[in-house]
């Protein structure tokens, strides 16, 4: 067998973990595994945050639409014609005499 084939065969058998310099290899492998776990964890946290942001944006759009609807209803309720109809239903009618302006003068 050639040297390359022996190297690949030895790698597949896992001899790099059992030979005399295996302690160095184990340190590196454990370090890489820890880095991978941290990367996977941060990826999941980022995905959760993206989902939460999209839910909050959807809620914001719904609340804004509700705000506009309530504002429209309020503006209709404040219209003079609606107020006149409600006052008429209660037996109130507009005054026939115009209001008088009261002026207050202060004397020193």
N, C-alpha and C. Protein backbone atom coordinates (compact mmCIF):
# COMPACT_ATOMS: atom_id res chain seq x y z
N UNK A 1 0.83 -1.19 0.00
CA UNK A 1 0.00 0.00 0.00
C UNK A 1 0.87 1.24 0.00
N UNK A 2 0.35 2.23 -0.62
CA UNK A 2 1.10 3.48 -0.65
C UNK A 2 0.91 4.22 0.68
N UNK A 3 1.72 5.25 0.87
CA UNK A 3 1.71 6.00 2.11
C UNK A 3 0.37 6.74 2.29
N UNK A 4 -0.20 7.26 1.20
CA UNK A 4 -1.47 7.98 1.26
C UNK A 4 -2.59 7.03 1.65
N UNK A 5 -2.60 5.83 1.04
CA UNK A 5 -3.65 4.86 1.36
C UNK A 5 -3.54 4.43 2.82
N UNK A 6 -2.31 4.23 3.31
CA UNK A 6 -2.13 3.85 4.71
C UNK A 6 -2.62 4.97 5.63
N UNK A 7 -2.34 6.21 5.25
CA UNK A 7 -2.79 7.35 6.07
C UNK A 7 -4.30 7.44 6.14
N UNK A 8 -4.95 7.24 4.99
CA UNK A 8 -6.42 7.29 4.96
C UNK A 8 -6.99 6.11 5.74
N UNK A 9 -6.42 4.94 5.56
CA UNK A 9 -6.89 3.74 6.25
C UNK A 9 -6.69 3.90 7.76
N UNK A 10 -5.56 4.43 8.16
CA UNK A 10 -5.31 4.67 9.58
C UNK A 10 -6.28 5.69 10.16
N UNK A 11 -6.59 6.73 9.41
CA UNK A 11 -7.54 7.73 9.86
C UNK A 11 -8.93 7.13 10.04
N UNK A 12 -9.36 6.31 9.06
CA UNK A 12 -10.68 5.69 9.14
C UNK A 12 -10.77 4.71 10.30
N UNK A 13 -9.67 4.03 10.61
CA UNK A 13 -9.66 3.09 11.74
C UNK A 13 -9.59 3.83 13.07
N UNK A 14 -9.21 5.07 13.07
CA UNK A 14 -9.14 5.85 14.29
C UNK A 14 -7.83 5.70 15.02
N UNK A 15 -6.78 5.36 14.29
CA UNK A 15 -5.48 5.17 14.94
C UNK A 15 -4.91 6.49 15.47
N UNK A 16 -5.36 7.62 14.95
CA UNK A 16 -4.87 8.91 15.46
C UNK A 16 -5.35 9.16 16.89
N UNK A 17 -6.35 8.38 17.34
CA UNK A 17 -6.84 8.53 18.70
C UNK A 17 -6.17 7.55 19.67
N UNK A 18 -5.50 6.55 19.14
CA UNK A 18 -4.94 5.50 20.02
C UNK A 18 -3.42 5.43 20.01
N UNK A 19 -2.77 6.20 19.19
CA UNK A 19 -1.30 6.11 19.17
C UNK A 19 -0.69 6.94 20.29
N UNK A 20 0.61 7.09 20.32
CA UNK A 20 1.30 7.73 21.43
C UNK A 20 1.03 9.24 21.54
N UNK A 21 0.70 9.92 20.47
CA UNK A 21 0.42 11.36 20.54
C UNK A 21 -1.09 11.63 20.57
N UNK A 22 -1.84 10.68 21.08
CA UNK A 22 -3.30 10.81 21.08
C UNK A 22 -3.79 11.90 22.03
N UNK A 23 -3.05 12.18 23.09
CA UNK A 23 -3.49 13.18 24.05
C UNK A 23 -3.63 14.56 23.39
N UNK A 24 -2.70 14.91 22.51
CA UNK A 24 -2.79 16.18 21.77
C UNK A 24 -4.03 16.18 20.88
N UNK A 25 -4.26 15.07 20.24
CA UNK A 25 -5.42 14.97 19.35
C UNK A 25 -6.73 15.10 20.15
N UNK A 26 -6.78 14.47 21.31
CA UNK A 26 -8.00 14.54 22.12
C UNK A 26 -8.27 15.96 22.58
N UNK A 27 -7.24 16.70 22.93
CA UNK A 27 -7.43 18.10 23.33
C UNK A 27 -8.08 18.90 22.20
N UNK A 28 -7.55 18.72 21.01
CA UNK A 28 -8.08 19.46 19.86
C UNK A 28 -9.51 19.03 19.54
N UNK A 29 -9.75 17.73 19.61
CA UNK A 29 -11.10 17.22 19.30
C UNK A 29 -12.11 17.74 20.31
N UNK A 30 -11.77 17.72 21.59
CA UNK A 30 -12.68 18.23 22.62
C UNK A 30 -12.91 19.73 22.42
N UNK A 31 -11.86 20.46 22.10
CA UNK A 31 -12.00 21.89 21.84
C UNK A 31 -12.93 22.15 20.67
N UNK A 32 -12.76 21.42 19.59
CA UNK A 32 -13.61 21.60 18.40
C UNK A 32 -15.06 21.23 18.72
N UNK A 33 -15.26 20.16 19.49
CA UNK A 33 -16.62 19.76 19.85
C UNK A 33 -17.28 20.85 20.70
N UNK A 34 -16.55 21.41 21.64
CA UNK A 34 -17.10 22.50 22.45
C UNK A 34 -17.47 23.71 21.59
N UNK A 35 -16.60 24.04 20.65
CA UNK A 35 -16.91 25.16 19.75
C UNK A 35 -18.17 24.88 18.91
N UNK A 36 -18.30 23.64 18.46
CA UNK A 36 -19.49 23.27 17.69
C UNK A 36 -20.76 23.37 18.54
N UNK A 37 -20.68 22.93 19.79
CA UNK A 37 -21.84 23.02 20.68
C UNK A 37 -22.22 24.47 20.94
N UNK A 38 -21.23 25.31 21.12
CA UNK A 38 -21.51 26.74 21.33
C UNK A 38 -22.14 27.34 20.08
N UNK A 39 -21.63 26.97 18.91
CA UNK A 39 -22.17 27.49 17.65
C UNK A 39 -23.61 27.04 17.46
N UNK A 40 -23.91 25.78 17.73
CA UNK A 40 -25.28 25.27 17.58
C UNK A 40 -26.21 25.97 18.56
N UNK A 41 -25.75 26.14 19.79
CA UNK A 41 -26.57 26.81 20.80
C UNK A 41 -26.87 28.24 20.40
N UNK A 42 -25.88 28.98 19.95
CA UNK A 42 -26.12 30.37 19.55
C UNK A 42 -27.01 30.45 18.32
N UNK A 43 -26.90 29.48 17.43
CA UNK A 43 -27.77 29.46 16.25
C UNK A 43 -29.23 29.26 16.66
N UNK A 44 -29.47 28.35 17.60
CA UNK A 44 -30.84 28.13 18.07
C UNK A 44 -31.38 29.38 18.78
N UNK A 45 -30.55 30.02 19.56
CA UNK A 45 -30.98 31.25 20.23
C UNK A 45 -31.31 32.34 19.22
N UNK A 46 -30.52 32.46 18.19
CA UNK A 46 -30.80 33.46 17.14
C UNK A 46 -32.11 33.15 16.43
N UNK A 47 -32.36 31.88 16.14
CA UNK A 47 -33.62 31.50 15.50
C UNK A 47 -34.81 31.84 16.39
N UNK A 48 -34.69 31.58 17.70
CA UNK A 48 -35.77 31.91 18.62
C UNK A 48 -36.04 33.41 18.62
N UNK A 49 -34.98 34.21 18.59
CA UNK A 49 -35.15 35.66 18.59
C UNK A 49 -35.80 36.14 17.30
N UNK A 50 -35.44 35.55 16.18
CA UNK A 50 -36.05 35.94 14.90
C UNK A 50 -37.54 35.62 14.91
N UNK A 51 -37.90 34.46 15.44
CA UNK A 51 -39.31 34.08 15.51
C UNK A 51 -40.06 35.04 16.43
N UNK A 52 -39.47 35.39 17.56
CA UNK A 52 -40.11 36.31 18.50
C UNK A 52 -40.30 37.69 17.87
N UNK A 53 -39.30 38.15 17.12
CA UNK A 53 -39.39 39.45 16.45
C UNK A 53 -40.52 39.45 15.42
N UNK A 54 -40.66 38.36 14.66
CA UNK A 54 -41.73 38.31 13.66
C UNK A 54 -43.10 38.28 14.33
N UNK A 55 -43.22 37.57 15.47
CA UNK A 55 -44.50 37.56 16.19
C UNK A 55 -44.83 38.95 16.72
N UNK A 56 -43.84 39.65 17.26
CA UNK A 56 -44.08 40.99 17.77
C UNK A 56 -44.43 41.98 16.65
N UNK A 57 -43.81 41.82 15.48
CA UNK A 57 -44.16 42.69 14.35
C UNK A 57 -45.60 42.45 13.90
N UNK A 58 -46.02 41.19 13.91
CA UNK A 58 -47.39 40.87 13.53
C UNK A 58 -48.37 41.48 14.54
N UNK A 59 -48.05 41.36 15.83
CA UNK A 59 -48.89 41.95 16.86
C UNK A 59 -48.94 43.47 16.73
N UNK A 60 -47.79 44.08 16.40
CA UNK A 60 -47.74 45.53 16.23
C UNK A 60 -48.64 45.97 15.08
N UNK A 61 -48.61 45.24 13.97
CA UNK A 61 -49.48 45.59 12.84
C UNK A 61 -50.95 45.47 13.21
N UNK A 62 -51.30 44.41 13.97
CA UNK A 62 -52.69 44.24 14.39
C UNK A 62 -53.13 45.37 15.31
N UNK A 63 -52.28 45.74 16.26
CA UNK A 63 -52.63 46.81 17.19
C UNK A 63 -52.73 48.16 16.48
N UNK A 64 -51.87 48.39 15.49
CA UNK A 64 -51.95 49.64 14.73
C UNK A 64 -53.26 49.71 13.95
N UNK A 65 -53.67 48.58 13.35
CA UNK A 65 -54.94 48.56 12.62
C UNK A 65 -56.11 48.80 13.57
N UNK A 66 -56.05 48.22 14.75
CA UNK A 66 -57.10 48.44 15.74
C UNK A 66 -57.13 49.90 16.18
N UNK A 67 -55.96 50.50 16.35
CA UNK A 67 -55.88 51.91 16.73
C UNK A 67 -56.53 52.80 15.67
N UNK A 68 -56.26 52.52 14.42
CA UNK A 68 -56.84 53.32 13.34
C UNK A 68 -58.36 53.14 13.31
N UNK A 69 -58.84 51.91 13.50
CA UNK A 69 -60.28 51.66 13.52
C UNK A 69 -60.97 52.40 14.66
N UNK A 70 -60.37 52.34 15.85
CA UNK A 70 -60.96 53.02 17.00
C UNK A 70 -60.93 54.53 16.79
N UNK A 71 -59.86 55.04 16.21
CA UNK A 71 -59.79 56.47 15.91
C UNK A 71 -60.87 56.90 14.94
N UNK A 72 -61.13 56.07 13.94
CA UNK A 72 -62.18 56.37 12.96
C UNK A 72 -63.55 56.38 13.63
N UNK A 73 -63.80 55.40 14.49
CA UNK A 73 -65.08 55.35 15.20
C UNK A 73 -65.25 56.58 16.08
N UNK A 74 -64.18 56.97 16.77
CA UNK A 74 -64.23 58.16 17.63
C UNK A 74 -64.52 59.41 16.82
N UNK A 75 -63.88 59.56 15.68
CA UNK A 75 -64.13 60.75 14.84
C UNK A 75 -65.58 60.78 14.38
N UNK A 76 -66.15 59.63 14.07
CA UNK A 76 -67.56 59.61 13.65
C UNK A 76 -68.47 59.98 14.82
N UNK A 77 -68.10 59.53 16.02
CA UNK A 77 -68.93 59.83 17.19
C UNK A 77 -68.88 61.32 17.53
N UNK A 78 -67.79 62.00 17.22
CA UNK A 78 -67.63 63.41 17.54
C UNK A 78 -68.23 64.33 16.49
N UNK A 79 -68.74 63.78 15.41
CA UNK A 79 -69.32 64.61 14.36
C UNK A 79 -70.57 65.31 14.89
N UNK A 80 -70.76 66.56 14.45
CA UNK A 80 -71.87 67.35 14.95
C UNK A 80 -73.22 66.71 14.64
N UNK A 81 -73.35 66.11 13.48
CA UNK A 81 -74.63 65.50 13.13
C UNK A 81 -74.98 64.34 14.08
N UNK A 82 -73.99 63.55 14.43
CA UNK A 82 -74.26 62.45 15.36
C UNK A 82 -74.63 62.98 16.75
N UNK A 83 -73.95 64.03 17.18
CA UNK A 83 -74.24 64.60 18.50
C UNK A 83 -75.65 65.19 18.51
N UNK A 84 -76.03 65.85 17.40
CA UNK A 84 -77.39 66.41 17.32
C UNK A 84 -78.45 65.31 17.40
N UNK A 85 -78.21 64.19 16.70
CA UNK A 85 -79.18 63.08 16.74
C UNK A 85 -79.31 62.51 18.14
N UNK A 86 -78.21 62.34 18.84
CA UNK A 86 -78.26 61.80 20.19
C UNK A 86 -78.91 62.77 21.16
N UNK A 87 -78.63 64.05 20.98
CA UNK A 87 -79.26 65.05 21.84
C UNK A 87 -80.77 65.11 21.58
N UNK A 88 -81.17 64.99 20.33
CA UNK A 88 -82.58 65.02 19.96
C UNK A 88 -83.30 63.81 20.56
N UNK A 89 -82.65 62.66 20.59
CA UNK A 89 -83.24 61.46 21.16
C UNK A 89 -83.46 61.62 22.67
N UNK A 90 -82.65 62.45 23.32
CA UNK A 90 -82.81 62.70 24.76
C UNK A 90 -83.74 63.89 25.05
N UNK A 91 -84.20 64.49 24.03
CA UNK A 91 -85.13 65.60 24.22
C UNK A 91 -84.45 66.96 24.27
N UNK A 92 -83.22 67.04 23.93
CA UNK A 92 -82.50 68.31 23.92
C UNK A 92 -82.58 68.94 22.53
N UNK A 93 -82.60 70.26 22.51
CA UNK A 93 -82.62 70.94 21.21
C UNK A 93 -81.66 72.11 21.27
N UNK A 94 -81.18 72.57 20.14
CA UNK A 94 -80.25 73.70 20.16
C UNK A 94 -80.93 74.98 20.65
N UNK A 95 -80.16 75.84 21.25
CA UNK A 95 -80.68 77.10 21.76
C UNK A 95 -81.06 78.01 20.59
N UNK A 96 -82.13 78.76 20.81
CA UNK A 96 -82.57 79.65 19.73
C UNK A 96 -81.94 81.03 19.85
N UNK A 97 -81.50 81.36 21.04
CA UNK A 97 -80.83 82.64 21.22
C UNK A 97 -79.32 82.39 21.24
N UNK A 98 -78.58 83.23 20.57
CA UNK A 98 -77.13 83.00 20.54
C UNK A 98 -76.51 83.27 21.91
N UNK A 99 -75.40 82.69 22.18
CA UNK A 99 -74.76 82.91 23.48
C UNK A 99 -74.23 84.34 23.58
N UNK A 100 -74.17 84.84 24.82
CA UNK A 100 -73.67 86.19 25.05
C UNK A 100 -72.26 86.09 25.58
N UNK A 101 -71.46 87.06 25.20
CA UNK A 101 -70.07 87.08 25.63
C UNK A 101 -69.99 87.89 26.93
N UNK A 102 -69.36 87.31 27.92
CA UNK A 102 -69.20 87.99 29.20
C UNK A 102 -67.78 88.53 29.28
N UNK A 103 -67.67 89.81 29.57
CA UNK A 103 -66.36 90.42 29.71
C UNK A 103 -66.13 90.79 31.15
N UNK A 104 -65.00 90.44 31.67
CA UNK A 104 -64.66 90.75 33.06
C UNK A 104 -63.56 91.80 33.04
N UNK A 105 -63.77 92.86 33.80
CA UNK A 105 -62.77 93.90 33.90
C UNK A 105 -62.25 93.94 35.34
N UNK A 106 -60.99 94.07 35.46
CA UNK A 106 -60.38 94.13 36.78
C UNK A 106 -60.02 95.58 37.12
N UNK A 107 -60.34 95.97 38.34
CA UNK A 107 -60.01 97.31 38.80
C UNK A 107 -58.91 97.20 39.83
N UNK A 108 -57.95 98.08 39.72
CA UNK A 108 -56.83 98.05 40.68
C UNK A 108 -57.08 98.97 41.82
